[in-house]
Amino acid sequence: MDRYYYKVYLELWRDNQLFGMINISHIPYAKFEELFKDQIINEKFLFEDVHGYFITKELYDKHEKFFDKEILVKFDFTLFEYVVGLSGDKLEEYQKDYYEELPMPFKK
């Protein structure tokens, strides 16, 4: 049976083009469900058959302390649209993008 990994990204969009993505997978699914409950329509689970959920200026203002603490980006709604989306792939195909230990000390 195939194993999968999933990551949640904050996508920064401008003029219908993706400008950048920030991994925000440290935020629990339950918090996303709370934040985007007004955008969830017929999904059986988060991110089912949707491109993503929008962080609007109104949503940001309502949860400003949370967003500023958990997402290390300065939100500017005149510059970007912010969409939270999910990506995933088979675990066997995942290319490791992290270190498992600190670098060795410099030799003097």
PDB file of N, CA and C in Angstrom:
ATOM      1  N   MET A   1       0.835  -1.179   0.000  1.00  0.00           N
ATOM      2  CA  MET A   1       0.000   0.000   0.000  1.00  0.00           C
ATOM      3  C   MET A   1       0.885   1.249   0.000  1.00  0.00           C
ATOM      4  N   ASP A   2       0.561   2.192  -0.844  1.00  0.00           N
ATOM      5  CA  ASP A   2       1.348   3.412  -0.946  1.00  0.00           C
ATOM      6  C   ASP A   2       1.152   4.288   0.289  1.00  0.00           C
ATOM      7  N   ARG A   3       2.230   4.904   0.737  1.00  0.00           N
ATOM      8  CA  ARG A   3       2.174   5.878   1.826  1.00  0.00           C
ATOM      9  C   ARG A   3       2.366   7.255   1.217  1.00  0.00           C
ATOM     10  N   TYR A   4       1.681   8.255   1.776  1.00  0.00           N
ATOM     11  CA  TYR A   4       1.719   9.605   1.260  1.00  0.00           C
ATOM     12  C   TYR A   4       2.167  10.572   2.343  1.00  0.00           C
ATOM     13  N   TYR A   5       2.657  11.711   1.923  1.00  0.00           N
ATOM     14  CA  TYR A   5       2.916  12.827   2.833  1.00  0.00           C
ATOM     15  C   TYR A   5       2.116  14.011   2.321  1.00  0.00           C
ATOM     16  N   TYR A   6       1.756  14.906   3.215  1.00  0.00           N
ATOM     17  CA  TYR A   6       0.958  16.073   2.857  1.00  0.00           C
ATOM     18  C   TYR A   6       1.575  17.317   3.481  1.00  0.00           C
ATOM     19  N   LYS A   7       1.554  18.408   2.734  1.00  0.00           N
ATOM     20  CA  LYS A   7       2.033  19.695   3.231  1.00  0.00           C
ATOM     21  C   LYS A   7       0.975  20.749   2.945  1.00  0.00           C
ATOM     22  N   VAL A   8       0.826  21.674   3.869  1.00  0.00           N
ATOM     23  CA  VAL A   8      -0.085  22.799   3.679  1.00  0.00           C
ATOM     24  C   VAL A   8       0.775  24.026   3.418  1.00  0.00           C
ATOM     25  N   TYR A   9       0.426  24.747   2.364  1.00  0.00           N
ATOM     26  CA  TYR A   9       1.186  25.925   1.963  1.00  0.00           C
ATOM     27  C   TYR A   9       0.316  27.175   1.980  1.00  0.00           C
ATOM     28  N   LEU A  10       0.933  28.286   2.327  1.00  0.00           N
ATOM     29  CA  LEU A  10       0.344  29.594   2.088  1.00  0.00           C
ATOM     30  C   LEU A  10       0.887  30.052   0.743  1.00  0.00           C
ATOM     31  N   GLU A  11      -0.008  30.237  -0.214  1.00  0.00           N
ATOM     32  CA  GLU A  11       0.382  30.675  -1.544  1.00  0.00           C
ATOM     33  C   GLU A  11       0.163  32.176  -1.661  1.00  0.00           C
ATOM     34  N   LEU A  12       1.136  32.885  -2.209  1.00  0.00           N
ATOM     35  CA  LEU A  12       1.033  34.324  -2.442  1.00  0.00           C
ATOM     36  C   LEU A  12       0.800  34.538  -3.933  1.00  0.00           C
ATOM     37  N   TRP A  13      -0.364  35.111  -4.277  1.00  0.00           N
ATOM     38  CA  TRP A  13      -0.762  35.319  -5.668  1.00  0.00           C
ATOM     39  C   TRP A  13      -0.823  36.806  -5.978  1.00  0.00           C
ATOM     40  N   ARG A  14      -0.391  37.154  -7.189  1.00  0.00           N
ATOM     41  CA  ARG A  14      -0.493  38.524  -7.670  1.00  0.00           C
ATOM     42  C   ARG A  14      -0.767  38.480  -9.169  1.00  0.00           C
ATOM     43  N   ASP A  15      -1.778  39.194  -9.608  1.00  0.00           N
ATOM     44  CA  ASP A  15      -2.145  39.237 -11.034  1.00  0.00           C
ATOM     45  C   ASP A  15      -2.315  37.835 -11.614  1.00  0.00           C
ATOM     46  N   ASN A  16      -2.991  36.974 -10.871  1.00  0.00           N
ATOM     47  CA  ASN A  16      -3.275  35.591 -11.286  1.00  0.00           C
ATOM     48  C   ASN A  16      -2.022  34.756 -11.521  1.00  0.00           C
ATOM     49  N   GLN A  17      -0.924  35.144 -10.905  1.00  0.00           N
ATOM     50  CA  GLN A  17       0.313  34.364 -10.993  1.00  0.00           C
ATOM     51  C   GLN A  17       0.806  34.049  -9.586  1.00  0.00           C
ATOM     52  N   LEU A  18       1.274  32.817  -9.423  1.00  0.00           N
ATOM     53  CA  LEU A  18       1.820  32.398  -8.143  1.00  0.00           C
ATOM     54  C   LEU A  18       3.176  33.042  -7.941  1.00  0.00           C
ATOM     55  N   PHE A  19       3.315  33.800  -6.862  1.00  0.00           N
ATOM     56  CA  PHE A  19       4.557  34.494  -6.560  1.00  0.00           C
ATOM     57  C   PHE A  19       5.456  33.663  -5.641  1.00  0.00           C
ATOM     58  N   GLY A  20       4.861  32.981  -4.681  1.00  0.00           N
ATOM     59  CA  GLY A  20       5.652  32.190  -3.756  1.00  0.00           C
ATOM     60  C   GLY A  20       4.785  31.321  -2.876  1.00  0.00           C
ATOM     61  N   MET A  21       5.442  30.388  -2.174  1.00  0.00           N
ATOM     62  CA  MET A  21       4.738  29.473  -1.287  1.00  0.00           C
ATOM     63  C   MET A  21       5.522  29.354   0.010  1.00  0.00           C
ATOM     64  N   ILE A  22       4.794  29.312   1.120  1.00  0.00           N
ATOM     65  CA  ILE A  22       5.395  29.171   2.439  1.00  0.00           C
ATOM     66  C   ILE A  22       4.764  27.946   3.101  1.00  0.00           C
ATOM     67  N   ASN A  23       5.603  27.015   3.554  1.00  0.00           N
ATOM     68  CA  ASN A  23       5.113  25.820   4.217  1.00  0.00           C
ATOM     69  C   ASN A  23       4.565  26.199   5.594  1.00  0.00           C
ATOM     70  N   ILE A  24       3.284  25.926   5.833  1.00  0.00           N
ATOM     71  CA  ILE A  24       2.671  26.210   7.134  1.00  0.00           C
ATOM     72  C   ILE A  24       2.067  24.924   7.714  1.00  0.00           C
ATOM     73  N   SER A  25       2.716  23.807   7.463  1.00  0.00           N
ATOM     74  CA  SER A  25       2.216  22.508   7.895  1.00  0.00           C
ATOM     75  C   SER A  25       2.266  22.309   9.401  1.00  0.00           C
ATOM     76  N   HIS A  26       2.891  23.214  10.110  1.00  0.00           N
ATOM     77  CA  HIS A  26       2.937  23.098  11.568  1.00  0.00           C
ATOM     78  C   HIS A  26       1.595  23.458  12.212  1.00  0.00           C
ATOM     79  N   ILE A  27       0.699  24.072  11.454  1.00  0.00           N
ATOM     80  CA  ILE A  27      -0.618  24.450  11.967  1.00  0.00           C
ATOM     81  C   ILE A  27      -1.541  23.240  11.860  1.00  0.00           C
ATOM     82  N   PRO A  28      -2.219  22.868  12.947  1.00  0.00           N
ATOM     83  CA  PRO A  28      -3.094  21.681  12.913  1.00  0.00           C
ATOM     84  C   PRO A  28      -4.293  21.864  11.979  1.00  0.00           C
ATOM     85  N   TYR A  29      -4.751  20.755  11.391  1.00  0.00           N
ATOM     86  CA  TYR A  29      -5.926  20.781  10.531  1.00  0.00           C
ATOM     87  C   TYR A  29      -7.127  21.398  11.255  1.00  0.00           C
ATOM     88  N   ALA A  30      -7.271  21.119  12.547  1.00  0.00           N
ATOM     89  CA  ALA A  30      -8.416  21.640  13.305  1.00  0.00           C
ATOM     90  C   ALA A  30      -8.429  23.163  13.302  1.00  0.00           C
ATOM     91  N   LYS A  31      -7.266  23.783  13.340  1.00  0.00           N
ATOM     92  CA  LYS A  31      -7.210  25.246  13.302  1.00  0.00           C
ATOM     93  C   LYS A  31      -7.634  25.757  11.924  1.00  0.00           C
ATOM     94  N   PHE A  32      -7.208  25.083  10.852  1.00  0.00           N
ATOM     95  CA  PHE A  32      -7.645  25.478   9.512  1.00  0.00           C
ATOM     96  C   PHE A  32      -9.164  25.353   9.379  1.00  0.00           C
ATOM     97  N   GLU A  33      -9.719  24.276   9.937  1.00  0.00           N
ATOM     98  CA  GLU A  33     -11.165  24.097   9.894  1.00  0.00           C
ATOM     99  C   GLU A  33     -11.869  25.252  10.608  1.00  0.00           C
ATOM    100  N   GLU A  34     -11.335  25.665  11.746  1.00  0.00           N
ATOM    101  CA  GLU A  34     -11.894  26.806  12.480  1.00  0.00           C
ATOM    102  C   GLU A  34     -11.787  28.094  11.658  1.00  0.00           C
ATOM    103  N   LEU A  35     -10.624  28.340  11.086  1.00  0.00           N
ATOM    104  CA  LEU A  35     -10.393  29.577  10.331  1.00  0.00           C
ATOM    105  C   LEU A  35     -11.262  29.668   9.078  1.00  0.00           C
ATOM    106  N   PHE A  36     -11.413  28.558   8.365  1.00  0.00           N
ATOM    107  CA  PHE A  36     -12.060  28.589   7.054  1.00  0.00           C
ATOM    108  C   PHE A  36     -13.470  28.005   7.058  1.00  0.00           C
ATOM    109  N   LYS A  37     -14.096  27.891   8.233  1.00  0.00           N
ATOM    110  CA  LYS A  37     -15.418  27.267   8.318  1.00  0.00           C
ATOM    111  C   LYS A  37     -16.445  27.947   7.415  1.00  0.00           C
ATOM    112  N   ASP A  38     -16.327  29.255   7.200  1.00  0.00           N
ATOM    113  CA  ASP A  38     -17.273  29.965   6.338  1.00  0.00           C
ATOM    114  C   ASP A  38     -17.025  29.695   4.856  1.00  0.00           C
ATOM    115  N   GLN A  39     -15.855  29.154   4.504  1.00  0.00           N
ATOM    116  CA  GLN A  39     -15.531  28.855   3.106  1.00  0.00           C
ATOM    117  C   GLN A  39     -15.756  27.382   2.757  1.00  0.00           C
ATOM    118  N   ILE A  40     -15.987  26.561   3.771  1.00  0.00           N
ATOM    119  CA  ILE A  40     -16.221  25.126   3.549  1.00  0.00           C
ATOM    120  C   ILE A  40     -17.680  24.950   3.143  1.00  0.00           C
ATOM    121  N   ILE A  41     -17.898  24.350   1.972  1.00  0.00           N
ATOM    122  CA  ILE A  41     -19.262  24.239   1.441  1.00  0.00           C
ATOM    123  C   ILE A  41     -19.743  22.788   1.490  1.00  0.00           C
ATOM    124  N   ASN A  42     -19.220  21.957   0.604  1.00  0.00           N
ATOM    125  CA  ASN A  42     -19.671  20.563   0.524  1.00  0.00           C
ATOM    126  C   ASN A  42     -18.543  19.561   0.766  1.00  0.00           C
ATOM    127  N   GLU A  43     -17.378  20.027   1.181  1.00  0.00           N
ATOM    128  CA  GLU A  43     -16.258  19.120   1.374  1.00  0.00           C
ATOM    129  C   GLU A  43     -16.567  18.128   2.503  1.00  0.00           C
ATOM    130  N   LYS A  44     -16.104  16.892   2.314  1.00  0.00           N
ATOM    131  CA  LYS A  44     -16.212  15.890   3.377  1.00  0.00           C
ATOM    132  C   LYS A  44     -15.042  16.024   4.344  1.00  0.00           C
ATOM    133  N   PHE A  45     -13.973  16.649   3.891  1.00  0.00           N
ATOM    134  CA  PHE A  45     -12.803  16.931   4.715  1.00  0.00           C
ATOM    135  C   PHE A  45     -12.104  18.139   4.112  1.00  0.00           C
ATOM    136  N   LEU A  46     -11.221  18.747   4.881  1.00  0.00           N
ATOM    137  CA  LEU A  46     -10.503  19.929   4.403  1.00  0.00           C
ATOM    138  C   LEU A  46      -9.792  19.650   3.086  1.00  0.00           C
ATOM    139  N   PHE A  47      -9.832  20.598   2.190  1.00  0.00           N
ATOM    140  CA  PHE A  47      -9.113  20.579   0.919  1.00  0.00           C
ATOM    141  C   PHE A  47      -9.657  19.572  -0.101  1.00  0.00           C
ATOM    142  N   GLU A  48     -10.802  18.947   0.173  1.00  0.00           N
ATOM    143  CA  GLU A  48     -11.374  18.023  -0.805  1.00  0.00           C
ATOM    144  C   GLU A  48     -11.949  18.822  -1.975  1.00  0.00           C
ATOM    145  N   ASP A  49     -11.431  18.586  -3.169  1.00  0.00           N
ATOM    146  CA  ASP A  49     -11.950  19.187  -4.400  1.00  0.00           C
ATOM    147  C   ASP A  49     -11.973  20.712  -4.391  1.00  0.00           C
ATOM    148  N   VAL A  50     -11.069  21.347  -3.676  1.00  0.00           N
ATOM    149  CA  VAL A  50     -10.952  22.812  -3.709  1.00  0.00           C
ATOM    150  C   VAL A  50      -9.497  23.174  -3.937  1.00  0.00           C
ATOM    151  N   HIS A  51      -9.288  24.288  -4.639  1.00  0.00           N
ATOM    152  CA  HIS A  51      -7.918  24.765  -4.855  1.00  0.00           C
ATOM    153  C   HIS A  51      -7.302  25.202  -3.532  1.00  0.00           C
ATOM    154  N   GLY A  52      -8.098  25.827  -2.694  1.00  0.00           N
ATOM    155  CA  GLY A  52      -7.602  26.295  -1.412  1.00  0.00           C
ATOM    156  C   GLY A  52      -8.610  27.215  -0.759  1.00  0.00           C
ATOM    157  N   TYR A  53      -8.193  27.767   0.362  1.00  0.00           N
ATOM    158  CA  TYR A  53      -9.038  28.673   1.133  1.00  0.00           C
ATOM    159  C   TYR A  53      -8.338  30.020   1.228  1.00  0.00           C
ATOM    160  N   PHE A  54      -9.124  31.083   1.136  1.00  0.00           N
ATOM    161  CA  PHE A  54      -8.562  32.436   1.101  1.00  0.00           C
ATOM    162  C   PHE A  54      -8.424  33.033   2.493  1.00  0.00           C
ATOM    163  N   ILE A  55      -7.275  33.669   2.715  1.00  0.00           N
ATOM    164  CA  ILE A  55      -7.117  34.542   3.875  1.00  0.00           C
ATOM    165  C   ILE A  55      -7.424  35.944   3.369  1.00  0.00           C
ATOM    166  N   THR A  56      -8.606  36.403   3.688  1.00  0.00           N
ATOM    167  CA  THR A  56      -9.027  37.745   3.288  1.00  0.00           C
ATOM    168  C   THR A  56      -8.596  38.752   4.350  1.00  0.00           C
ATOM    169  N   LYS A  57      -8.694  40.008   4.022  1.00  0.00           N
ATOM    170  CA  LYS A  57      -8.363  41.066   4.985  1.00  0.00           C
ATOM    171  C   LYS A  57      -9.248  40.937   6.224  1.00  0.00           C
ATOM    172  N   GLU A  58     -10.525  40.644   6.026  1.00  0.00           N
ATOM    173  CA  GLU A  58     -11.461  40.500   7.145  1.00  0.00           C
ATOM    174  C   GLU A  58     -11.072  39.321   8.042  1.00  0.00           C
ATOM    175  N   LEU A  59     -10.721  38.187   7.424  1.00  0.00           N
ATOM    176  CA  LEU A  59     -10.306  37.013   8.196  1.00  0.00           C
ATOM    177  C   LEU A  59      -9.008  37.301   8.939  1.00  0.00           C
ATOM    178  N   TYR A  60      -8.078  37.953   8.257  1.00  0.00           N
ATOM    179  CA  TYR A  60      -6.812  38.314   8.897  1.00  0.00           C
ATOM    180  C   TYR A  60      -7.060  39.222  10.105  1.00  0.00           C
ATOM    181  N   ASP A  61      -7.881  40.252   9.933  1.00  0.00           N
ATOM    182  CA  ASP A  61      -8.156  41.181  11.038  1.00  0.00           C
ATOM    183  C   ASP A  61      -8.772  40.459  12.230  1.00  0.00           C
ATOM    184  N   LYS A  62      -9.626  39.484  11.961  1.00  0.00           N
ATOM    185  CA  LYS A  62     -10.294  38.730  13.022  1.00  0.00           C
ATOM    186  C   LYS A  62      -9.321  37.841  13.804  1.00  0.00           C
ATOM    187  N   HIS A  63      -8.276  37.350  13.120  1.00  0.00           N
ATOM    188  CA  HIS A  63      -7.318  36.406  13.731  1.00  0.00           C
ATOM    189  C   HIS A  63      -5.883  36.927  13.623  1.00  0.00           C
ATOM    190  N   GLU A  64      -5.720  38.219  13.671  1.00  0.00           N
ATOM    191  CA  GLU A  64      -4.415  38.845  13.431  1.00  0.00           C
ATOM    192  C   GLU A  64      -3.315  38.302  14.334  1.00  0.00           C
ATOM    193  N   LYS A  65      -3.564  38.177  15.612  1.00  0.00           N
ATOM    194  CA  LYS A  65      -2.528  37.681  16.540  1.00  0.00           C
ATOM    195  C   LYS A  65      -2.072  36.278  16.146  1.00  0.00           C
ATOM    196  N   PHE A  66      -3.015  35.421  15.811  1.00  0.00           N
ATOM    197  CA  PHE A  66      -2.666  34.067  15.407  1.00  0.00           C
ATOM    198  C   PHE A  66      -1.814  34.074  14.141  1.00  0.00           C
ATOM    199  N   PHE A  67      -2.284  34.773  13.099  1.00  0.00           N
ATOM    200  CA  PHE A  67      -1.543  34.806  11.830  1.00  0.00           C
ATOM    201  C   PHE A  67      -0.146  35.390  12.011  1.00  0.00           C
ATOM    202  N   ASP A  68      -0.029  36.460  12.763  1.00  0.00           N
ATOM    203  CA  ASP A  68       1.284  37.088  12.959  1.00  0.00           C
ATOM    204  C   ASP A  68       2.228  36.194  13.750  1.00  0.00           C
ATOM    205  N   LYS A  69       1.698  35.377  14.632  1.00  0.00           N
ATOM    206  CA  LYS A  69       2.540  34.473  15.422  1.00  0.00           C
ATOM    207  C   LYS A  69       2.950  33.235  14.625  1.00  0.00           C
ATOM    208  N   GLU A  70       2.015  32.673  13.871  1.00  0.00           N
ATOM    209  CA  GLU A  70       2.235  31.368  13.238  1.00  0.00           C
ATOM    210  C   GLU A  70       2.762  31.431  11.809  1.00  0.00           C
ATOM    211  N   ILE A  71       2.570  32.555  11.121  1.00  0.00           N
ATOM    212  CA  ILE A  71       2.999  32.650   9.723  1.00  0.00           C
ATOM    213  C   ILE A  71       3.970  33.819   9.603  1.00  0.00           C
ATOM    214  N   LEU A  72       5.200  33.508   9.277  1.00  0.00           N
ATOM    215  CA  LEU A  72       6.262  34.519   9.269  1.00  0.00           C
ATOM    216  C   LEU A  72       6.301  35.277   7.943  1.00  0.00           C
ATOM    217  N   VAL A  73       5.242  36.025   7.703  1.00  0.00           N
ATOM    218  CA  VAL A  73       5.173  36.880   6.520  1.00  0.00           C
ATOM    219  C   VAL A  73       4.399  38.124   6.931  1.00  0.00           C
ATOM    220  N   LYS A  74       4.762  39.245   6.374  1.00  0.00           N
ATOM    221  CA  LYS A  74       4.027  40.486   6.616  1.00  0.00           C
ATOM    222  C   LYS A  74       2.895  40.547   5.600  1.00  0.00           C
ATOM    223  N   PHE A  75       1.673  40.398   6.058  1.00  0.00           N
ATOM    224  CA  PHE A  75       0.528  40.393   5.157  1.00  0.00           C
ATOM    225  C   PHE A  75       0.303  41.793   4.586  1.00  0.00           C
ATOM    226  N   ASP A  76       0.166  41.864   3.268  1.00  0.00           N
ATOM    227  CA  ASP A  76      -0.109  43.120   2.570  1.00  0.00           C
ATOM    228  C   ASP A  76      -1.164  42.812   1.511  1.00  0.00           C
ATOM    229  N   PHE A  77      -2.409  43.143   1.819  1.00  0.00           N
ATOM    230  CA  PHE A  77      -3.530  42.781   0.945  1.00  0.00           C
ATOM    231  C   PHE A  77      -3.637  43.669  -0.286  1.00  0.00           C
ATOM    232  N   THR A  78      -2.850  44.743  -0.348  1.00  0.00           N
ATOM    233  CA  THR A  78      -2.797  45.542  -1.571  1.00  0.00           C
ATOM    234  C   THR A  78      -1.813  44.928  -2.565  1.00  0.00           C
ATOM    235  N   LEU A  79      -0.939  44.060  -2.079  1.00  0.00           N
ATOM    236  CA  LEU A  79       0.099  43.463  -2.910  1.00  0.00           C
ATOM    237  C   LEU A  79      -0.243  42.032  -3.349  1.00  0.00           C
ATOM    238  N   PHE A  80      -0.778  41.215  -2.437  1.00  0.00           N
ATOM    239  CA  PHE A  80      -1.005  39.795  -2.711  1.00  0.00           C
ATOM    240  C   PHE A  80      -2.396  39.348  -2.305  1.00  0.00           C
ATOM    241  N   GLU A  81      -2.823  38.246  -2.926  1.00  0.00           N
ATOM    242  CA  GLU A  81      -3.929  37.448  -2.432  1.00  0.00           C
ATOM    243  C   GLU A  81      -3.291  36.248  -1.748  1.00  0.00           C
ATOM    244  N   TYR A  82      -3.893  35.791  -0.655  1.00  0.00           N
ATOM    245  CA  TYR A  82      -3.328  34.703   0.139  1.00  0.00           C
ATOM    246  C   TYR A  82      -4.277  33.521   0.113  1.00  0.00           C
ATOM    247  N   VAL A  83      -3.755  32.371  -0.332  1.00  0.00           N
ATOM    248  CA  VAL A  83      -4.547  31.150  -0.450  1.00  0.00           C
ATOM    249  C   VAL A  83      -3.815  30.044   0.293  1.00  0.00           C
ATOM    250  N   VAL A  84      -4.555  29.284   1.091  1.00  0.00           N
ATOM    251  CA  VAL A  84      -3.986  28.148   1.809  1.00  0.00           C
ATOM    252  C   VAL A  84      -4.394  26.889   1.055  1.00  0.00           C
ATOM    253  N   GLY A  85      -3.396  26.122   0.607  1.00  0.00           N
ATOM    254  CA  GLY A  85      -3.644  24.924  -0.171  1.00  0.00           C
ATOM    255  C   GLY A  85      -2.865  23.725   0.337  1.00  0.00           C
ATOM    256  N   LEU A  86      -3.255  22.563  -0.127  1.00  0.00           N
ATOM    257  CA  LEU A  86      -2.653  21.298   0.289  1.00  0.00           C
ATOM    258  C   LEU A  86      -1.958  20.650  -0.895  1.00  0.00           C
ATOM    259  N   SER A  87      -0.793  20.064  -0.643  1.00  0.00           N
ATOM    260  CA  SER A  87      -0.131  19.259  -1.668  1.00  0.00           C
ATOM    261  C   SER A  87       0.307  17.948  -1.025  1.00  0.00           C
ATOM    262  N   GLY A  88       0.486  16.956  -1.839  1.00  0.00           N
ATOM    263  CA  GLY A  88       0.915  15.665  -1.319  1.00  0.00           C
ATOM    264  C   GLY A  88       1.486  14.807  -2.428  1.00  0.00           C
ATOM    265  N   ASP A  89       2.186  13.783  -2.022  1.00  0.00           N
ATOM    266  CA  ASP A  89       2.774  12.859  -2.986  1.00  0.00           C
ATOM    267  C   ASP A  89       3.097  11.556  -2.269  1.00  0.00           C
ATOM    268  N   LYS A  90       3.478  10.570  -3.051  1.00  0.00           N
ATOM    269  CA  LYS A  90       3.881   9.299  -2.470  1.00  0.00           C
ATOM    270  C   LYS A  90       5.161   9.504  -1.668  1.00  0.00           C
ATOM    271  N   LEU A  91       5.225   8.849  -0.539  1.00  0.00           N
ATOM    272  CA  LEU A  91       6.383   8.983   0.334  1.00  0.00           C
ATOM    273  C   LEU A  91       7.658   8.510  -0.359  1.00  0.00           C
ATOM    274  N   GLU A  92       7.559   7.488  -1.196  1.00  0.00           N
ATOM    275  CA  GLU A  92       8.743   6.976  -1.882  1.00  0.00           C
ATOM    276  C   GLU A  92       9.329   8.008  -2.842  1.00  0.00           C
ATOM    277  N   GLU A  93       8.479   8.906  -3.345  1.00  0.00           N
ATOM    278  CA  GLU A  93       8.924   9.907  -4.309  1.00  0.00           C
ATOM    279  C   GLU A  93       9.342  11.214  -3.652  1.00  0.00           C
ATOM    280  N   TYR A  94       9.180  11.308  -2.340  1.00  0.00           N
ATOM    281  CA  TYR A  94       9.498  12.542  -1.624  1.00  0.00           C
ATOM    282  C   TYR A  94      11.006  12.747  -1.573  1.00  0.00           C
ATOM    283  N   GLN A  95      11.441  13.910  -2.008  1.00  0.00           N
ATOM    284  CA  GLN A  95      12.852  14.248  -1.903  1.00  0.00           C
ATOM    285  C   GLN A  95      13.051  15.026  -0.614  1.00  0.00           C
ATOM    286  N   LYS A  96      13.861  14.493   0.258  1.00  0.00           N
ATOM    287  CA  LYS A  96      14.089  15.098   1.563  1.00  0.00           C
ATOM    288  C   LYS A  96      14.554  16.543   1.388  1.00  0.00           C
ATOM    289  N   ASP A  97      13.906  17.448   2.106  1.00  0.00           N
ATOM    290  CA  ASP A  97      14.257  18.871   2.018  1.00  0.00           C
ATOM    291  C   ASP A  97      14.563  19.457   3.390  1.00  0.00           C
ATOM    292  N   TYR A  98      15.218  18.652   4.210  1.00  0.00           N
ATOM    293  CA  TYR A  98      15.564  19.092   5.552  1.00  0.00           C
ATOM    294  C   TYR A  98      16.822  18.353   6.008  1.00  0.00           C
ATOM    295  N   TYR A  99      17.441  18.881   7.054  1.00  0.00           N
ATOM    296  CA  TYR A  99      18.594  18.231   7.670  1.00  0.00           C
ATOM    297  C   TYR A  99      18.130  17.469   8.900  1.00  0.00           C
ATOM    298  N   GLU A 100      18.808  16.403   9.225  1.00  0.00           N
ATOM    299  CA  GLU A 100      18.477  15.630  10.411  1.00  0.00           C
ATOM    300  C   GLU A 100      19.401  15.926  11.576  1.00  0.00           C
ATOM    301  N   GLU A 101      20.464  16.684  11.319  1.00  0.00           N
ATOM    302  CA  GLU A 101      21.392  17.041  12.403  1.00  0.00           C
ATOM    303  C   GLU A 101      22.043  18.370  12.080  1.00  0.00           C
ATOM    304  N   LEU A 102      22.656  18.952  13.096  1.00  0.00           N
ATOM    305  CA  LEU A 102      23.331  20.234  12.926  1.00  0.00           C
ATOM    306  C   LEU A 102      24.654  20.039  12.183  1.00  0.00           C
ATOM    307  N   PRO A 103      25.199  21.108  11.555  1.00  0.00           N
ATOM    308  CA  PRO A 103      26.490  20.962  10.885  1.00  0.00           C
ATOM    309  C   PRO A 103      27.614  20.743  11.900  1.00  0.00           C
ATOM    310  N   MET A 104      28.706  20.199  11.410  1.00  0.00           N
ATOM    311  CA  MET A 104      29.876  19.966  12.262  1.00  0.00           C
ATOM    312  C   MET A 104      30.537  21.297  12.612  1.00  0.00           C
ATOM    313  N   PRO A 105      31.174  21.366  13.788  1.00  0.00           N
ATOM    314  CA  PRO A 105      31.889  22.597  14.150  1.00  0.00           C
ATOM    315  C   PRO A 105      33.032  22.858  13.187  1.00  0.00           C
ATOM    316  N   PHE A 106      33.404  24.130  13.033  1.00  0.00           N
ATOM    317  CA  PHE A 106      34.551  24.489  12.194  1.00  0.00           C
ATOM    318  C   PHE A 106      35.837  23.987  12.840  1.00  0.00           C
ATOM    319  N   LYS A 107      36.777  23.601  11.999  1.00  0.00           N
ATOM    320  CA  LYS A 107      38.101  23.223  12.504  1.00  0.00           C
ATOM    321  C   LYS A 107      38.944  24.469  12.541  1.00  0.00           C
ATOM    322  N   LYS A 108      39.598  24.699  13.635  1.00  0.00           N
ATOM    323  CA  LYS A 108      40.436  25.912  13.764  1.00  0.00           C
ATOM    324  C   LYS A 108      41.860  25.642  13.436  1.00  0.00           C
TER     325      LYS A 108
END
